[in-house]
C-alpha atoms as a PDB file:
ATOM      1  CA  MET A   1      74.533 -28.833  49.140  1.00  0.00           C
ATOM      2  CA  ILE A   2      70.737 -28.406  49.129  1.00  0.00           C
ATOM      3  CA  ALA A   3      70.923 -26.574  45.776  1.00  0.00           C
ATOM      4  CA  THR A   4      72.909 -29.456  44.345  1.00  0.00           C
ATOM      5  CA  LEU A   5      70.378 -31.989  45.556  1.00  0.00           C
ATOM      6  CA  LEU A   6      67.494 -29.966  44.128  1.00  0.00           C
ATOM      7  CA  ASN A   7      69.250 -29.433  40.757  1.00  0.00           C
ATOM      8  CA  PRO A   8      71.437 -32.493  40.172  1.00  0.00           C
ATOM      9  CA  PHE A   9      71.775 -31.962  36.417  1.00  0.00           C
ATOM     10  CA  GLN A  10      73.508 -28.577  36.415  1.00  0.00           C
ATOM     11  CA  ASP A  11      76.849 -30.198  35.559  1.00  0.00           C
ATOM     12  CA  THR A  12      77.485 -32.682  32.789  1.00  0.00           C
ATOM     13  CA  LEU A  13      78.071 -36.037  34.462  1.00  0.00           C
ATOM     14  CA  LEU A  14      77.758 -38.196  31.329  1.00  0.00           C
ATOM     15  CA  PRO A  15      79.961 -36.696  28.557  1.00  0.00           C
ATOM     16  CA  LEU A  16      78.387 -38.722  25.743  1.00  0.00           C
ATOM     17  CA  GLY A  17      79.384 -36.175  23.107  1.00  0.00           C
ATOM     18  CA  GLU A  18      83.055 -36.473  24.005  1.00  0.00           C
ATOM     19  CA  TRP A  19      82.853 -40.273  23.959  1.00  0.00           C
ATOM     20  CA  VAL A  20      81.243 -40.340  20.525  1.00  0.00           C
ATOM     21  CA  GLU A  21      83.766 -37.855  19.179  1.00  0.00           C
ATOM     22  CA  SER A  22      86.636 -39.954  20.545  1.00  0.00           C
ATOM     23  CA  VAL A  23      85.256 -43.135  18.958  1.00  0.00           C
ATOM     24  CA  VAL A  24      84.815 -41.451  15.566  1.00  0.00           C
ATOM     25  CA  ASP A  25      88.293 -39.917  15.720  1.00  0.00           C
ATOM     26  CA  TRP A  26      89.746 -43.321  16.596  1.00  0.00           C
ATOM     27  CA  LEU A  27      87.950 -44.961  13.680  1.00  0.00           C
ATOM     28  CA  VAL A  28      89.147 -42.267  11.283  1.00  0.00           C
ATOM     29  CA  ALA A  29      92.725 -42.557  12.508  1.00  0.00           C
ATOM     30  CA  ASN A  30      92.948 -46.365  12.482  1.00  0.00           C
ATOM     31  CA  TYR A  31      90.323 -47.804  10.131  1.00  0.00           C
ATOM     32  CA  ARG A  32      89.728 -45.138   7.533  1.00  0.00           C
ATOM     33  CA  TRP A  33      91.217 -47.497   4.925  1.00  0.00           C
ATOM     34  CA  PHE A  34      88.432 -49.997   5.636  1.00  0.00           C
ATOM     35  CA  PHE A  35      85.710 -47.391   5.154  1.00  0.00           C
ATOM     36  CA  GLN A  36      87.399 -46.142   1.995  1.00  0.00           C
ATOM     37  CA  LEU A  37      87.357 -49.722   0.673  1.00  0.00           C
ATOM     38  CA  ILE A  38      83.605 -49.817   1.286  1.00  0.00           C
ATOM     39  CA  ARG A  39      83.350 -46.415  -0.376  1.00  0.00           C
ATOM     40  CA  LEU A  40      85.082 -47.629  -3.532  1.00  0.00           C
ATOM     41  CA  SER A  41      82.830 -50.697  -3.746  1.00  0.00           C
ATOM     42  CA  VAL A  42      79.657 -48.631  -3.363  1.00  0.00           C
ATOM     43  CA  LEU A  43      81.019 -46.042  -5.806  1.00  0.00           C
ATOM     44  CA  GLU A  44      81.535 -48.685  -8.489  1.00  0.00           C
ATOM     45  CA  LEU A  45      77.947 -49.881  -8.116  1.00  0.00           C
ATOM     46  CA  LEU A  46      76.572 -46.339  -8.060  1.00  0.00           C
ATOM     47  CA  ASN A  47      78.601 -45.210 -11.085  1.00  0.00           C
ATOM     48  CA  GLY A  48      77.437 -48.202 -13.110  1.00  0.00           C
ATOM     49  CA  ILE A  49      73.748 -47.609 -12.334  1.00  0.00           C
ATOM     50  CA  GLU A  50      74.063 -43.854 -12.829  1.00  0.00           C
ATOM     51  CA  TYR A  51      75.846 -44.267 -16.176  1.00  0.00           C
ATOM     52  CA  PHE A  52      73.123 -46.676 -17.307  1.00  0.00           C
ATOM     53  CA  PHE A  53      70.322 -44.195 -16.597  1.00  0.00           C
ATOM     54  CA  VAL A  54      72.070 -40.982 -17.655  1.00  0.00           C
ATOM     55  CA  SER A  55      73.421 -42.376 -20.941  1.00  0.00           C
ATOM     56  CA  MET A  56      70.145 -44.065 -21.907  1.00  0.00           C
ATOM     57  CA  PRO A  57      68.151 -42.132 -24.538  1.00  0.00           C
ATOM     58  CA  GLN A  58      65.094 -40.541 -23.013  1.00  0.00           C
ATOM     59  CA  VAL A  59      62.657 -42.234 -25.396  1.00  0.00           C
ATOM     60  CA  VAL A  60      64.167 -45.642 -24.649  1.00  0.00           C
ATOM     61  CA  PHE A  61      63.789 -45.013 -20.913  1.00  0.00           C
ATOM     62  CA  LEU A  62      60.151 -44.030 -21.370  1.00  0.00           C
ATOM     63  CA  ILE A  63      59.453 -47.170 -23.393  1.00  0.00           C
ATOM     64  CA  LEU A  64      61.125 -49.427 -20.822  1.00  0.00           C
ATOM     65  CA  LEU A  65      59.365 -47.706 -17.913  1.00  0.00           C
ATOM     66  CA  GLY A  66      55.979 -47.943 -19.619  1.00  0.00           C
ATOM     67  CA  ALA A  67      56.503 -51.615 -20.448  1.00  0.00           C
ATOM     68  CA  LEU A  68      57.603 -52.414 -16.882  1.00  0.00           C
ATOM     69  CA  ALA A  69      54.661 -50.542 -15.329  1.00  0.00           C
ATOM     70  CA  TRP A  70      52.226 -52.178 -17.752  1.00  0.00           C
ATOM     71  CA  GLN A  71      53.611 -55.633 -17.046  1.00  0.00           C
ATOM     72  CA  ILE A  72      53.499 -55.259 -13.254  1.00  0.00           C
ATOM     73  CA  ALA A  73      50.563 -52.943 -12.587  1.00  0.00           C
ATOM     74  CA  GLY A  74      48.490 -52.558 -15.748  1.00  0.00           C
ATOM     75  CA  ARG A  75      47.914 -50.035 -18.512  1.00  0.00           C
ATOM     76  CA  ARG A  76      46.576 -47.218 -16.353  1.00  0.00           C
ATOM     77  CA  LEU A  77      49.722 -47.050 -14.253  1.00  0.00           C
ATOM     78  CA  ALA A  78      51.859 -47.338 -17.391  1.00  0.00           C
ATOM     79  CA  ILE A  79      50.135 -44.251 -18.824  1.00  0.00           C
ATOM     80  CA  LEU A  80      50.467 -42.441 -15.471  1.00  0.00           C
ATOM     81  CA  SER A  81      54.183 -43.270 -15.330  1.00  0.00           C
ATOM     82  CA  LEU A  82      54.784 -42.010 -18.868  1.00  0.00           C
ATOM     83  CA  VAL A  83      52.877 -38.783 -18.229  1.00  0.00           C
ATOM     84  CA  GLY A  84      54.774 -38.208 -14.974  1.00  0.00           C
ATOM     85  CA  MET A  85      58.211 -38.745 -16.490  1.00  0.00           C
ATOM     86  CA  MET A  86      57.333 -36.559 -19.479  1.00  0.00           C
ATOM     87  CA  LEU A  87      56.348 -33.794 -17.059  1.00  0.00           C
ATOM     88  CA  ILE A  88      59.742 -34.147 -15.378  1.00  0.00           C
ATOM     89  CA  GLY A  89      61.436 -33.873 -18.775  1.00  0.00           C
ATOM     90  CA  LEU A  90      59.373 -30.835 -19.765  1.00  0.00           C
ATOM     91  CA  MET A  91      60.352 -29.109 -16.493  1.00  0.00           C
ATOM     92  CA  GLY A  92      64.024 -29.505 -17.423  1.00  0.00           C
ATOM     93  CA  ALA A  93      64.976 -31.867 -14.599  1.00  0.00           C
ATOM     94  CA  TRP A  94      65.533 -35.096 -16.522  1.00  0.00           C
ATOM     95  CA  GLU A  95      69.247 -35.540 -15.821  1.00  0.00           C
ATOM     96  CA  GLU A  96      68.846 -34.658 -12.142  1.00  0.00           C
ATOM     97  CA  SER A  97      66.009 -37.177 -11.914  1.00  0.00           C
ATOM     98  CA  MET A  98      68.183 -39.917 -13.409  1.00  0.00           C
ATOM     99  CA  VAL A  99      70.960 -39.153 -10.902  1.00  0.00           C
ATOM    100  CA  THR A 100      68.439 -39.278  -8.049  1.00  0.00           C
ATOM    101  CA  LEU A 101      66.937 -42.514  -9.373  1.00  0.00           C
ATOM    102  CA  ALA A 102      70.412 -44.083  -9.512  1.00  0.00           C
ATOM    103  CA  LEU A 103      71.075 -42.993  -5.913  1.00  0.00           C
ATOM    104  CA  VAL A 104      67.752 -44.411  -4.711  1.00  0.00           C
ATOM    105  CA  ILE A 105      68.147 -47.731  -6.552  1.00  0.00           C
ATOM    106  CA  THR A 106      71.699 -48.146  -5.226  1.00  0.00           C
ATOM    107  CA  SER A 107      70.524 -47.476  -1.663  1.00  0.00           C
ATOM    108  CA  VAL A 108      67.571 -49.871  -1.968  1.00  0.00           C
ATOM    109  CA  THR A 109      69.851 -52.533  -3.472  1.00  0.00           C
ATOM    110  CA  LEU A 110      72.095 -52.286  -0.411  1.00  0.00           C
ATOM    111  CA  CYS A 111      69.007 -52.363   1.827  1.00  0.00           C
ATOM    112  CA  ILE A 112      67.870 -55.612   0.201  1.00  0.00           C
ATOM    113  CA  ALA A 113      71.355 -57.145   0.292  1.00  0.00           C
ATOM    114  CA  VAL A 114      71.762 -56.394   4.018  1.00  0.00           C
ATOM    115  CA  GLY A 115      68.211 -56.129   5.329  1.00  0.00           C
ATOM    116  CA  LEU A 116      66.805 -59.352   3.897  1.00  0.00           C
ATOM    117  CA  PRO A 117      69.411 -61.655   5.542  1.00  0.00           C
ATOM    118  CA  LEU A 118      69.132 -59.747   8.818  1.00  0.00           C
ATOM    119  CA  GLY A 119      65.343 -60.046   8.719  1.00  0.00           C
ATOM    120  CA  ILE A 120      65.613 -63.793   8.088  1.00  0.00           C
ATOM    121  CA  LEU A 121      68.085 -64.073  10.969  1.00  0.00           C
ATOM    122  CA  ALA A 122      65.766 -62.141  13.286  1.00  0.00           C
ATOM    123  CA  ALA A 123      62.840 -64.377  12.302  1.00  0.00           C
ATOM    124  CA  SER A 124      64.794 -67.560  12.972  1.00  0.00           C
ATOM    125  CA  ASN A 125      66.354 -66.505  16.294  1.00  0.00           C
ATOM    126  CA  ASP A 126      64.499 -64.747  19.115  1.00  0.00           C
ATOM    127  CA  TRP A 127      67.745 -63.626  20.759  1.00  0.00           C
ATOM    128  CA  CYS A 128      68.865 -61.886  17.556  1.00  0.00           C
ATOM    129  CA  GLU A 129      65.485 -60.198  17.251  1.00  0.00           C
ATOM    130  CA  ARG A 130      65.731 -58.830  20.797  1.00  0.00           C
ATOM    131  CA  LEU A 131      69.248 -57.582  20.055  1.00  0.00           C
ATOM    132  CA  MET A 132      68.251 -55.903  16.784  1.00  0.00           C
ATOM    133  CA  ARG A 133      65.099 -54.233  18.085  1.00  0.00           C
ATOM    134  CA  PRO A 134      66.728 -51.341  20.042  1.00  0.00           C
ATOM    135  CA  ILE A 135      69.273 -50.828  17.264  1.00  0.00           C
ATOM    136  CA  LEU A 136      66.509 -50.539  14.671  1.00  0.00           C
ATOM    137  CA  ASP A 137      64.571 -48.220  16.982  1.00  0.00           C
ATOM    138  CA  MET A 138      67.595 -45.949  17.235  1.00  0.00           C
ATOM    139  CA  MET A 139      68.185 -46.008  13.454  1.00  0.00           C
ATOM    140  CA  GLN A 140      64.564 -45.017  12.788  1.00  0.00           C
ATOM    141  CA  THR A 141      64.204 -42.328  15.452  1.00  0.00           C
ATOM    142  CA  LEU A 142      67.665 -40.737  15.451  1.00  0.00           C
ATOM    143  CA  PRO A 143      67.513 -37.512  13.378  1.00  0.00           C
ATOM    144  CA  SER A 144      69.332 -38.034  10.113  1.00  0.00           C
ATOM    145  CA  PHE A 145      71.318 -34.806  10.558  1.00  0.00           C
ATOM    146  CA  VAL A 146      73.066 -36.399  13.546  1.00  0.00           C
ATOM    147  CA  TYR A 147      74.949 -39.016  11.566  1.00  0.00           C
ATOM    148  CA  LEU A 148      75.753 -36.819   8.548  1.00  0.00           C
ATOM    149  CA  ILE A 149      78.993 -35.623  10.179  1.00  0.00           C
ATOM    150  CA  PRO A 150      80.467 -39.037  11.142  1.00  0.00           C
ATOM    151  CA  VAL A 151      79.486 -40.477   7.744  1.00  0.00           C
ATOM    152  CA  VAL A 152      81.280 -37.640   5.965  1.00  0.00           C
ATOM    153  CA  MET A 153      84.326 -38.092   8.205  1.00  0.00           C
ATOM    154  CA  LEU A 154      84.475 -41.821   7.439  1.00  0.00           C
ATOM    155  CA  PHE A 155      83.447 -41.880   3.754  1.00  0.00           C
ATOM    156  CA  SER A 156      84.168 -38.303   2.552  1.00  0.00           C
ATOM    157  CA  ALA A 157      81.524 -35.985   1.140  1.00  0.00           C
ATOM    158  CA  GLY A 158      79.731 -36.924  -2.068  1.00  0.00           C
ATOM    159  CA  GLU A 159      77.371 -39.466  -3.528  1.00  0.00           C
ATOM    160  CA  VAL A 160      78.681 -42.451  -1.543  1.00  0.00           C
ATOM    161  CA  SER A 161      78.039 -40.706   1.759  1.00  0.00           C
ATOM    162  CA  GLY A 162      74.530 -39.970   0.514  1.00  0.00           C
ATOM    163  CA  VAL A 163      74.013 -43.660  -0.258  1.00  0.00           C
ATOM    164  CA  ILE A 164      75.270 -44.685   3.204  1.00  0.00           C
ATOM    165  CA  VAL A 165      73.065 -42.143   5.009  1.00  0.00           C
ATOM    166  CA  THR A 166      70.059 -43.211   2.943  1.00  0.00           C
ATOM    167  CA  PHE A 167      70.804 -46.864   3.631  1.00  0.00           C
ATOM    168  CA  VAL A 168      70.958 -46.321   7.399  1.00  0.00           C
ATOM    169  CA  PHE A 169      67.655 -44.444   7.320  1.00  0.00           C
ATOM    170  CA  ALA A 170      65.786 -46.813   4.951  1.00  0.00           C
ATOM    171  CA  VAL A 171      66.865 -50.328   5.958  1.00  0.00           C
ATOM    172  CA  PRO A 172      65.019 -50.759   9.322  1.00  0.00           C
ATOM    173  CA  PRO A 173      61.491 -51.185   7.839  1.00  0.00           C
ATOM    174  CA  LEU A 174      62.757 -53.882   5.483  1.00  0.00           C
ATOM    175  CA  ILE A 175      64.345 -55.823   8.356  1.00  0.00           C
ATOM    176  CA  ARG A 176      61.233 -55.485  10.520  1.00  0.00           C
ATOM    177  CA  LEU A 177      58.755 -56.476   7.799  1.00  0.00           C
ATOM    178  CA  THR A 178      60.894 -59.421   6.681  1.00  0.00           C
ATOM    179  CA  ASN A 179      60.930 -60.650  10.265  1.00  0.00           C
ATOM    180  CA  ILE A 180      57.163 -60.131  10.642  1.00  0.00           C
ATOM    181  CA  GLY A 181      56.335 -61.756   7.308  1.00  0.00           C
ATOM    182  CA  ILE A 182      58.278 -64.931   8.047  1.00  0.00           C
ATOM    183  CA  ARG A 183      56.935 -65.173  11.597  1.00  0.00           C
ATOM    184  CA  GLN A 184      53.360 -64.840  10.336  1.00  0.00           C
ATOM    185  CA  VAL A 185      53.577 -67.936   8.139  1.00  0.00           C
ATOM    186  CA  SER A 186      50.940 -70.395   9.351  1.00  0.00           C
ATOM    187  CA  GLU A 187      52.155 -73.090  11.728  1.00  0.00           C
ATOM    188  CA  GLU A 188      49.940 -75.650   9.947  1.00  0.00           C
ATOM    189  CA  ILE A 189      51.772 -75.016   6.675  1.00  0.00           C
ATOM    190  CA  ILE A 190      55.155 -75.338   8.401  1.00  0.00           C
ATOM    191  CA  GLU A 191      54.084 -78.582  10.070  1.00  0.00           C
ATOM    192  CA  ALA A 192      52.810 -79.977   6.764  1.00  0.00           C
ATOM    193  CA  ALA A 193      56.083 -79.113   5.002  1.00  0.00           C
ATOM    194  CA  ASP A 194      58.019 -80.643   7.884  1.00  0.00           C
ATOM    195  CA  ALA A 195      55.900 -83.802   7.668  1.00  0.00           C
ATOM    196  CA  PHE A 196      56.837 -84.164   4.000  1.00  0.00           C
ATOM    197  CA  GLY A 197      60.518 -84.144   4.968  1.00  0.00           C
ATOM    198  CA  SER A 198      61.515 -80.595   4.009  1.00  0.00           C
ATOM    199  CA  THR A 199      65.058 -79.612   4.912  1.00  0.00           C
ATOM    200  CA  PRO A 200      65.643 -76.263   6.689  1.00  0.00           C
ATOM    201  CA  ARG A 201      66.820 -74.780   3.375  1.00  0.00           C
ATOM    202  CA  GLN A 202      63.716 -76.002   1.571  1.00  0.00           C
ATOM    203  CA  MET A 203      61.534 -74.778   4.427  1.00  0.00           C
ATOM    204  CA  LEU A 204      62.990 -71.285   4.104  1.00  0.00           C
ATOM    205  CA  PHE A 205      63.184 -70.857   0.327  1.00  0.00           C
ATOM    206  CA  ASP A 206      60.196 -72.966  -0.756  1.00  0.00           C
ATOM    207  CA  VAL A 207      57.714 -72.316   2.060  1.00  0.00           C
ATOM    208  CA  LYS A 208      58.420 -69.322   4.298  1.00  0.00           C
ATOM    209  CA  LEU A 209      59.875 -66.790   1.858  1.00  0.00           C
ATOM    210  CA  PRO A 210      57.228 -67.281  -0.880  1.00  0.00           C
ATOM    211  CA  LEU A 211      54.406 -66.928   1.662  1.00  0.00           C
ATOM    212  CA  ALA A 212      56.066 -63.912   3.283  1.00  0.00           C
ATOM    213  CA  MET A 213      56.872 -62.241  -0.056  1.00  0.00           C
ATOM    214  CA  PRO A 214      53.958 -59.722   0.001  1.00  0.00           C
ATOM    215  CA  THR A 215      55.103 -58.453   3.402  1.00  0.00           C
ATOM    216  CA  ILE A 216      58.741 -58.380   2.283  1.00  0.00           C
ATOM    217  CA  LEU A 217      57.802 -56.397  -0.828  1.00  0.00           C
ATOM    218  CA  ALA A 218      55.918 -53.984   1.425  1.00  0.00           C
ATOM    219  CA  GLY A 219      59.217 -53.522   3.279  1.00  0.00           C
ATOM    220  CA  VAL A 220      60.994 -52.839  -0.023  1.00  0.00           C
ATOM    221  CA  ASN A 221      58.308 -50.268  -0.822  1.00  0.00           C
ATOM    222  CA  GLN A 222      58.834 -48.549   2.535  1.00  0.00           C
ATOM    223  CA  ALA A 223      62.618 -48.539   2.038  1.00  0.00           C
ATOM    224  CA  LEU A 224      62.116 -46.981  -1.388  1.00  0.00           C
ATOM    225  CA  MET A 225      59.897 -44.217  -0.034  1.00  0.00           C
ATOM    226  CA  LEU A 226      62.266 -43.469   2.835  1.00  0.00           C
ATOM    227  CA  ALA A 227      65.195 -43.347   0.400  1.00  0.00           C
ATOM    228  CA  LEU A 228      63.383 -40.727  -1.673  1.00  0.00           C
ATOM    229  CA  SER A 229      62.589 -38.734   1.446  1.00  0.00           C
ATOM    230  CA  MET A 230      66.338 -38.533   2.194  1.00  0.00           C
ATOM    231  CA  VAL A 231      67.218 -36.962  -1.163  1.00  0.00           C
ATOM    232  CA  VAL A 232      67.045 -33.367   0.069  1.00  0.00           C
ATOM    233  CA  ILE A 233      68.924 -34.065   3.310  1.00  0.00           C
ATOM    234  CA  ALA A 234      71.642 -35.951   1.428  1.00  0.00           C
ATOM    235  CA  SER A 235      72.155 -32.902  -0.804  1.00  0.00           C
ATOM    236  CA  LEU A 236      73.656 -31.122   2.221  1.00  0.00           C
ATOM    237  CA  ILE A 237      76.749 -33.321   1.873  1.00  0.00           C
ATOM    238  CA  ALA A 238      77.284 -32.550  -1.841  1.00  0.00           C
ATOM    239  CA  VAL A 239      75.013 -35.246  -3.294  1.00  0.00           C
ATOM    240  CA  PRO A 240      73.758 -34.150  -6.740  1.00  0.00           C
ATOM    241  CA  GLY A 241      70.292 -34.661  -8.153  1.00  0.00           C
ATOM    242  CA  LEU A 242      66.834 -33.324  -7.380  1.00  0.00           C
ATOM    243  CA  GLY A 243      67.719 -32.706  -3.740  1.00  0.00           C
ATOM    244  CA  GLN A 244      70.486 -30.358  -4.881  1.00  0.00           C
ATOM    245  CA  MET A 245      67.909 -28.411  -6.894  1.00  0.00           C
ATOM    246  CA  VAL A 246      65.775 -27.959  -3.774  1.00  0.00           C
ATOM    247  CA  ASN A 247      68.836 -27.041  -1.710  1.00  0.00           C
ATOM    248  CA  ARG A 248      69.965 -24.448  -4.252  1.00  0.00           C
ATOM    249  CA  GLY A 249      66.462 -23.030  -4.407  1.00  0.00           C
ATOM    250  CA  ILE A 250      66.410 -22.633  -0.620  1.00  0.00           C
ATOM    251  CA  GLY A 251      69.870 -21.035  -0.585  1.00  0.00           C
ATOM    252  CA  ARG A 252      68.972 -18.539  -3.325  1.00  0.00           C
ATOM    253  CA  LEU A 253      65.380 -18.004  -2.146  1.00  0.00           C
ATOM    254  CA  ASP A 254      64.371 -19.263  -5.596  1.00  0.00           C
ATOM    255  CA  VAL A 255      60.854 -20.571  -5.075  1.00  0.00           C
ATOM    256  CA  GLY A 256      60.531 -21.843  -8.643  1.00  0.00           C
ATOM    257  CA  LEU A 257      63.699 -23.936  -8.551  1.00  0.00           C
ATOM    258  CA  ALA A 258      62.817 -25.461  -5.179  1.00  0.00           C
ATOM    259  CA  ALA A 259      59.254 -26.166  -6.300  1.00  0.00           C
ATOM    260  CA  THR A 260      60.471 -27.833  -9.494  1.00  0.00           C
ATOM    261  CA  GLY A 261      62.819 -30.146  -7.616  1.00  0.00           C
ATOM    262  CA  GLY A 262      60.200 -30.938  -4.977  1.00  0.00           C
ATOM    263  CA  LEU A 263      57.489 -31.682  -7.542  1.00  0.00           C
ATOM    264  CA  CYS A 264      59.833 -33.989  -9.476  1.00  0.00           C
ATOM    265  CA  ILE A 265      60.589 -35.904  -6.261  1.00  0.00           C
ATOM    266  CA  VAL A 266      56.848 -36.264  -5.629  1.00  0.00           C
ATOM    267  CA  ILE A 267      56.208 -37.569  -9.161  1.00  0.00           C
ATOM    268  CA  MET A 268      59.034 -40.128  -8.913  1.00  0.00           C
ATOM    269  CA  ALA A 269      57.804 -41.212  -5.482  1.00  0.00           C
ATOM    270  CA  ILE A 270      54.265 -41.785  -6.782  1.00  0.00           C
ATOM    271  CA  ILE A 271      55.475 -43.807  -9.772  1.00  0.00           C
ATOM    272  CA  LEU A 272      57.850 -46.011  -7.775  1.00  0.00           C
ATOM    273  CA  ASP A 273      55.331 -46.429  -4.954  1.00  0.00           C
ATOM    274  CA  ARG A 274      52.537 -47.583  -7.265  1.00  0.00           C
ATOM    275  CA  ILE A 275      54.772 -50.030  -9.141  1.00  0.00           C
ATOM    276  CA  THR A 276      56.187 -51.633  -5.999  1.00  0.00           C
ATOM    277  CA  GLN A 277      52.764 -51.725  -4.337  1.00  0.00           C
ATOM    278  CA  ALA A 278      51.346 -53.523  -7.347  1.00  0.00           C
ATOM    279  CA  ALA A 279      54.228 -56.011  -7.278  1.00  0.00           C
ATOM    280  CA  GLY A 280      53.541 -56.833  -3.633  1.00  0.00           C
ATOM    281  CA  ASN A 281      49.733 -56.704  -3.711  1.00  0.00           C
ATOM    282  CA  SER A 282      48.546 -60.126  -2.572  1.00  0.00           C
ATOM    283  CA  ASP A 283      44.908 -59.320  -3.493  1.00  0.00           C
ATOM    284  CA  ARG A 284      45.619 -59.185  -7.217  1.00  0.00           C
ATOM    285  CA  PRO A 285      44.756 -62.337  -9.175  1.00  0.00           C
ATOM    286  CA  MET A 286      47.794 -64.505  -9.779  1.00  0.00           C
ATOM    287  CA  THR A 287      48.218 -64.636 -13.536  1.00  0.00           C
ATOM    288  CA  LYS A 288      51.087 -65.773 -15.664  1.00  0.00           C
ATOM    289  CA  TRP A 289      53.387 -63.219 -17.236  1.00  0.00           C
ATOM    290  CA  THR A 290      52.200 -64.505 -20.615  1.00  0.00           C
ATOM    291  CA  ASP A 291      48.617 -63.464 -19.741  1.00  0.00           C
ATOM    292  CA  GLN A 292      49.249 -59.797 -18.881  1.00  0.00           C
ATOM    293  CA  GLY A 293      51.238 -56.761 -19.925  1.00  0.00           C
ATOM    294  CA  PRO A 294      53.294 -56.368 -23.086  1.00  0.00           C
ATOM    295  CA  ILE A 295      54.599 -59.932 -22.808  1.00  0.00           C
ATOM    296  CA  GLY A 296      51.040 -61.223 -22.698  1.00  0.00           C
ATOM    297  CA  PHE A 297      50.063 -58.958 -25.606  1.00  0.00           C
ATOM    298  CA  VAL A 298      52.880 -60.280 -27.796  1.00  0.00           C
ATOM    299  CA  TYR A 299      52.280 -63.885 -26.732  1.00  0.00           C
ATOM    300  CA  GLN A 300      48.533 -63.740 -27.362  1.00  0.00           C
ATOM    301  CA  SER A 301      49.076 -62.012 -30.710  1.00  0.00           C
ATOM    302  CA  MET A 302      51.438 -64.772 -31.795  1.00  0.00           C
ATOM    303  CA  ARG A 303      48.907 -67.425 -30.756  1.00  0.00           C
ATOM    304  CA  ARG A 304      46.108 -65.720 -32.683  1.00  0.00           C
ATOM    305  CA  PHE A 305      48.360 -65.428 -35.717  1.00  0.00           C
ATOM    306  CA  GLN A 306      49.205 -69.131 -35.559  1.00  0.00           C
ATOM    307  CA  LYS A 307      45.519 -70.056 -35.306  1.00  0.00           C
ATOM    308  CA  ALA A 308      44.611 -67.788 -38.228  1.00  0.00           C
ATOM    309  CA  THR A 309      47.337 -69.173 -40.477  1.00  0.00           C
ATOM    310  CA  PRO A 310      45.838 -71.990 -42.628  1.00  0.00           C
ATOM    311  CA  THR A 311      47.734 -75.215 -42.591  1.00  0.00           C
ATOM    312  CA  VAL A 312      48.515 -76.708 -46.016  1.00  0.00           C
ATOM    313  CA  ALA A 313      47.659 -80.399 -46.155  1.00  0.00           C
ATOM    314  CA  ALA A 314      50.318 -82.691 -47.524  1.00  0.00           C
ATOM    315  CA  PRO A 315      49.449 -84.220 -50.928  1.00  0.00           C
ATOM    316  CA  PRO A 316      48.412 -87.863 -50.794  1.00  0.00           C
ATOM    317  CA  SER A 317      51.159 -90.268 -51.669  1.00  0.00           C
ATOM    318  CA  SER A 318      50.678 -92.115 -54.980  1.00  0.00           C
ATOM    319  CA  PRO A 319      50.178 -95.865 -54.663  1.00  0.00           C
ATOM    320  CA  SER A 320      53.192 -97.925 -55.538  1.00  0.00           C
ATOM    321  CA  PRO A 321      52.815-100.044 -58.744  1.00  0.00           C
END
C-alpha cells in the first residue's frame, strides 16, 4: 500500500494509446470512403500542378521564374533565382525539384483555402479564438512522426498523404498571423469606416484585410517554409521528390546523394522565402506594376517609343471656291 502511494504511476491508468487506436480503427472502418473522397480531390489538384511543372520546358520555367521574381522583388533576386535553379538543374535534380515544388504549392494552397477563413473567424469571435488556440498549439508541437501512421491509414501512402501531413504542420502559423493581423488594425480606422456607413462585408474586405495583408503574407511565408521543412519527413510515406533523394541517401549511406537533395531544398527555400518576403514587405515603396519589373520595362519602352515617333500633321484643307 505504501509502495503504491509512493509510486502511483507504475500502472497505466489512462490508456490513451488504446483510445486513439480505437478511434482511428473506427474511422477507417466506417468513414474511409469520406477520406478517400478527400484524397481524390487533393490528388486531382496535385496532379494538375505537378503536370504543369514537370511538362514545362526548363527554359520556359526559368524565364517565368525570373520575370516573376523581377516583378515582385527586383532584378537582384531575379538573377539569384535563375542562378539557384540553374544550379539545381546542373546537379541533376530538376525533375525531383519540380515534384517537390508541386507538393509544396498544393499544400500551401490548401493552407490558404482553410487557414485564411479560420483566421478571419478567430479574429471576429473571441470564443472561436479560445477554442482554436489549444488545437493550434497541439498541431505545432506534436511531432510530425506521430500523425504519419493515422494519415496513411486514412488516405493511403503516397503524395496525397504527404500533402495532408504537410498541411497539418504548416497551417497553424497562417491562422495565427491572420488573426493577429486583423486584430491589429487600428480602432480609429475601423471607427472611421463605420462612420461612413461601411457594411460588415465592406469592413472586412475593404478595410481590415488590406491593412492586415502584410501580416497575412508573413503567415503564407511561414507556411511555405514549414511545408519545405516537411519534404524529407513526408518521403517516409512514399512521397517522391527531393525528400526521397535525401531518404535514399540516408538508407544507402550515400553522402553525395543526400547532400544534393538537401542543398536543392535549401536553394528552393531561399528563392521562395525571398519572393514571398518581398511580396509582403510593407516597408517597400508602393509602386504600380507598370512602374517596376518586366511589365514596367515593357510599358515604359512603349511610352518612350510613342514619344519618339514623330506625328505627321494633316495637310491643310483647300478653301472652297
